[in-house]
Amino acid sequence: DLADMKLRASAYEGKIAELESLLNQERHARESLQKSQDKLAEMNRKLRETEASVEERNRLVAERDRVQREVETQKVAMAAMEA
């Protein structure tokens, strides 16, 4: 009957909204991961190309390592979201 159809339609709309929200979260996570990976690639390029002072090199290495840990954390989080 009509009431049952309205209830089903409402349930489907709720599920669609939930799936769209999950899709947006995944999209945001992937964009964030890509930005971090791009930053990491740029840092690695700078380390290779510059003849930075020892202090600058150490700073860049520490920053690169921090970003690498962040990337790994994001990968784990994304894998958990997909599971």
N, C-alpha and C. Protein backbone atom coordinates (compact mmCIF):
# COMPACT_ATOMS: atom_id res chain seq x y z
N ASP A 1 0.82 -1.18 0.00
CA ASP A 1 0.00 0.00 0.00
C ASP A 1 0.87 1.25 0.00
N LEU A 2 0.25 2.40 -0.04
CA LEU A 2 0.96 3.67 -0.18
C LEU A 2 1.87 3.96 1.00
N ALA A 3 1.39 3.71 2.20
CA ALA A 3 2.20 3.98 3.40
C ALA A 3 3.46 3.13 3.41
N ASP A 4 3.32 1.86 2.99
CA ASP A 4 4.47 0.95 2.94
C ASP A 4 5.48 1.42 1.90
N MET A 5 4.99 1.87 0.76
CA MET A 5 5.88 2.36 -0.29
C MET A 5 6.61 3.62 0.17
N LYS A 6 5.91 4.50 0.87
CA LYS A 6 6.55 5.72 1.39
C LYS A 6 7.64 5.37 2.40
N LEU A 7 7.36 4.37 3.23
CA LEU A 7 8.33 3.94 4.23
C LEU A 7 9.57 3.36 3.55
N ARG A 8 9.36 2.53 2.53
CA ARG A 8 10.49 1.96 1.79
C ARG A 8 11.29 3.04 1.08
N ALA A 9 10.59 3.99 0.46
CA ALA A 9 11.27 5.09 -0.24
C ALA A 9 12.11 5.89 0.75
N SER A 10 11.57 6.13 1.91
CA SER A 10 12.30 6.88 2.94
C SER A 10 13.54 6.11 3.38
N ALA A 11 13.41 4.80 3.54
CA ALA A 11 14.55 3.97 3.94
C ALA A 11 15.62 3.99 2.86
N TYR A 12 15.21 3.91 1.58
CA TYR A 12 16.18 3.96 0.48
C TYR A 12 16.89 5.31 0.44
N GLU A 13 16.13 6.38 0.65
CA GLU A 13 16.73 7.72 0.66
C GLU A 13 17.75 7.85 1.78
N GLY A 14 17.43 7.28 2.93
CA GLY A 14 18.37 7.30 4.05
C GLY A 14 19.64 6.54 3.73
N LYS A 15 19.49 5.38 3.09
CA LYS A 15 20.66 4.57 2.72
C LYS A 15 21.49 5.30 1.67
N ILE A 16 20.84 5.94 0.71
CA ILE A 16 21.56 6.71 -0.31
C ILE A 16 22.35 7.83 0.33
N ALA A 17 21.76 8.53 1.26
CA ALA A 17 22.45 9.63 1.95
C ALA A 17 23.66 9.10 2.72
N GLU A 18 23.49 7.94 3.35
CA GLU A 18 24.59 7.33 4.10
C GLU A 18 25.73 6.95 3.15
N LEU A 19 25.39 6.35 2.02
CA LEU A 19 26.42 5.95 1.05
C LEU A 19 27.12 7.16 0.44
N GLU A 20 26.37 8.23 0.18
CA GLU A 20 26.98 9.46 -0.34
C GLU A 20 27.94 10.05 0.68
N SER A 21 27.58 9.99 1.94
CA SER A 21 28.45 10.50 3.00
C SER A 21 29.74 9.68 3.06
N LEU A 22 29.61 8.37 2.99
CA LEU A 22 30.79 7.51 3.00
C LEU A 22 31.67 7.77 1.79
N LEU A 23 31.05 7.98 0.64
CA LEU A 23 31.80 8.27 -0.57
C LEU A 23 32.56 9.58 -0.43
N ASN A 24 31.93 10.59 0.13
CA ASN A 24 32.60 11.88 0.34
C ASN A 24 33.75 11.74 1.32
N GLN A 25 33.57 10.95 2.38
CA GLN A 25 34.66 10.72 3.33
C GLN A 25 35.84 10.04 2.65
N GLU A 26 35.55 9.03 1.83
CA GLU A 26 36.63 8.33 1.13
C GLU A 26 37.32 9.26 0.14
N ARG A 27 36.56 10.06 -0.57
CA ARG A 27 37.14 11.01 -1.52
C ARG A 27 38.07 11.98 -0.80
N HIS A 28 37.61 12.50 0.35
CA HIS A 28 38.44 13.42 1.14
C HIS A 28 39.71 12.71 1.61
N ALA A 29 39.58 11.48 2.08
CA ALA A 29 40.75 10.74 2.56
C ALA A 29 41.74 10.51 1.42
N ARG A 30 41.24 10.17 0.24
CA ARG A 30 42.13 9.95 -0.91
C ARG A 30 42.82 11.25 -1.33
N GLU A 31 42.09 12.36 -1.31
CA GLU A 31 42.70 13.65 -1.66
C GLU A 31 43.78 14.02 -0.65
N SER A 32 43.51 13.79 0.61
CA SER A 32 44.48 14.09 1.66
C SER A 32 45.71 13.21 1.51
N LEU A 33 45.49 11.94 1.22
CA LEU A 33 46.61 11.02 1.00
C LEU A 33 47.43 11.46 -0.19
N GLN A 34 46.78 11.85 -1.28
CA GLN A 34 47.50 12.29 -2.48
C GLN A 34 48.33 13.53 -2.18
N LYS A 35 47.77 14.48 -1.43
CA LYS A 35 48.52 15.68 -1.07
C LYS A 35 49.75 15.33 -0.25
N SER A 36 49.58 14.41 0.70
CA SER A 36 50.72 14.00 1.53
C SER A 36 51.78 13.30 0.69
N GLN A 37 51.35 12.45 -0.23
CA GLN A 37 52.31 11.75 -1.09
C GLN A 37 53.02 12.74 -2.01
N ASP A 38 52.31 13.74 -2.51
CA ASP A 38 52.94 14.76 -3.34
C ASP A 38 53.98 15.54 -2.54
N LYS A 39 53.62 15.88 -1.30
CA LYS A 39 54.55 16.60 -0.43
C LYS A 39 55.78 15.75 -0.16
N LEU A 40 55.58 14.47 0.08
CA LEU A 40 56.69 13.56 0.32
C LEU A 40 57.59 13.47 -0.91
N ALA A 41 57.00 13.37 -2.08
CA ALA A 41 57.79 13.32 -3.32
C ALA A 41 58.60 14.59 -3.50
N GLU A 42 58.00 15.74 -3.20
CA GLU A 42 58.71 17.01 -3.31
C GLU A 42 59.87 17.08 -2.32
N MET A 43 59.65 16.61 -1.12
CA MET A 43 60.73 16.61 -0.13
C MET A 43 61.86 15.69 -0.57
N ASN A 44 61.53 14.53 -1.08
CA ASN A 44 62.56 13.62 -1.56
C ASN A 44 63.34 14.25 -2.71
N ARG A 45 62.63 14.96 -3.59
CA ARG A 45 63.30 15.64 -4.71
C ARG A 45 64.27 16.69 -4.17
N LYS A 46 63.82 17.48 -3.20
CA LYS A 46 64.68 18.51 -2.62
C LYS A 46 65.92 17.89 -1.97
N LEU A 47 65.71 16.78 -1.29
CA LEU A 47 66.86 16.12 -0.66
C LEU A 47 67.87 15.66 -1.70
N ARG A 48 67.39 15.17 -2.82
CA ARG A 48 68.30 14.71 -3.87
C ARG A 48 68.98 15.86 -4.58
N GLU A 49 68.25 16.94 -4.82
CA GLU A 49 68.74 18.01 -5.68
C GLU A 49 69.54 19.09 -4.96
N THR A 50 69.30 19.26 -3.72
CA THR A 50 69.99 20.35 -3.03
C THR A 50 71.24 19.85 -2.34
N GLU A 51 72.15 20.73 -2.22
CA GLU A 51 73.33 20.43 -1.43
C GLU A 51 73.19 21.24 -0.15
N ALA A 52 72.15 20.88 0.57
CA ALA A 52 71.78 21.63 1.77
C ALA A 52 72.82 21.41 2.86
N SER A 53 72.84 22.35 3.75
CA SER A 53 73.70 22.20 4.92
C SER A 53 73.23 20.99 5.72
N VAL A 54 74.06 20.53 6.60
CA VAL A 54 73.71 19.37 7.42
C VAL A 54 72.43 19.66 8.22
N GLU A 55 72.32 20.86 8.76
CA GLU A 55 71.13 21.19 9.54
C GLU A 55 69.87 21.17 8.67
N GLU A 56 69.97 21.76 7.49
CA GLU A 56 68.82 21.79 6.58
C GLU A 56 68.46 20.38 6.14
N ARG A 57 69.47 19.59 5.84
CA ARG A 57 69.21 18.21 5.42
C ARG A 57 68.53 17.44 6.56
N ASN A 58 69.02 17.60 7.77
CA ASN A 58 68.41 16.91 8.91
C ASN A 58 66.97 17.36 9.13
N ARG A 59 66.72 18.65 8.95
CA ARG A 59 65.36 19.17 9.08
C ARG A 59 64.45 18.55 8.02
N LEU A 60 64.95 18.51 6.79
CA LEU A 60 64.16 17.94 5.69
C LEU A 60 63.91 16.45 5.91
N VAL A 61 64.91 15.74 6.38
CA VAL A 61 64.75 14.31 6.64
C VAL A 61 63.70 14.09 7.73
N ALA A 62 63.77 14.88 8.80
CA ALA A 62 62.79 14.74 9.88
C ALA A 62 61.38 15.04 9.38
N GLU A 63 61.24 16.08 8.58
CA GLU A 63 59.92 16.43 8.03
C GLU A 63 59.43 15.34 7.08
N ARG A 64 60.33 14.83 6.24
CA ARG A 64 59.97 13.75 5.32
C ARG A 64 59.50 12.53 6.10
N ASP A 65 60.22 12.17 7.15
CA ASP A 65 59.85 11.01 7.96
C ASP A 65 58.49 11.21 8.62
N ARG A 66 58.21 12.43 9.07
CA ARG A 66 56.92 12.72 9.69
C ARG A 66 55.79 12.55 8.67
N VAL A 67 56.02 13.07 7.47
CA VAL A 67 54.99 12.96 6.42
C VAL A 67 54.82 11.50 6.02
N GLN A 68 55.92 10.75 5.97
CA GLN A 68 55.83 9.33 5.62
C GLN A 68 54.98 8.58 6.65
N ARG A 69 55.18 8.88 7.92
CA ARG A 69 54.36 8.25 8.97
C ARG A 69 52.89 8.63 8.79
N GLU A 70 52.64 9.88 8.45
CA GLU A 70 51.27 10.36 8.22
C GLU A 70 50.63 9.61 7.05
N VAL A 71 51.40 9.43 5.98
CA VAL A 71 50.89 8.69 4.81
C VAL A 71 50.54 7.26 5.21
N GLU A 72 51.42 6.61 5.95
CA GLU A 72 51.16 5.24 6.37
C GLU A 72 49.92 5.16 7.26
N THR A 73 49.76 6.12 8.15
CA THR A 73 48.58 6.16 9.02
C THR A 73 47.31 6.33 8.18
N GLN A 74 47.38 7.21 7.17
CA GLN A 74 46.22 7.43 6.31
C GLN A 74 45.89 6.18 5.50
N LYS A 75 46.93 5.47 5.05
CA LYS A 75 46.70 4.24 4.30
C LYS A 75 45.99 3.20 5.17
N VAL A 76 46.43 3.08 6.42
CA VAL A 76 45.80 2.13 7.34
C VAL A 76 44.34 2.53 7.57
N ALA A 77 44.11 3.82 7.76
CA ALA A 77 42.74 4.30 7.99
C ALA A 77 41.87 4.03 6.78
N MET A 78 42.40 4.25 5.58
CA MET A 78 41.62 4.01 4.36
C MET A 78 41.32 2.52 4.21
N ALA A 79 42.31 1.68 4.52
CA ALA A 79 42.09 0.24 4.43
C ALA A 79 41.00 -0.19 5.41
N ALA A 80 41.00 0.41 6.58
CA ALA A 80 39.98 0.08 7.57
C ALA A 80 38.60 0.54 7.10
N MET A 81 38.55 1.70 6.43
CA MET A 81 37.27 2.21 5.92
C MET A 81 36.73 1.29 4.83
N GLU A 82 37.64 0.73 4.02
CA GLU A 82 37.20 -0.11 2.90
C GLU A 82 36.81 -1.50 3.36
N ALA A 83 37.25 -1.89 4.56
CA ALA A 83 36.95 -3.24 5.05
C ALA A 83 35.53 -3.34 5.55
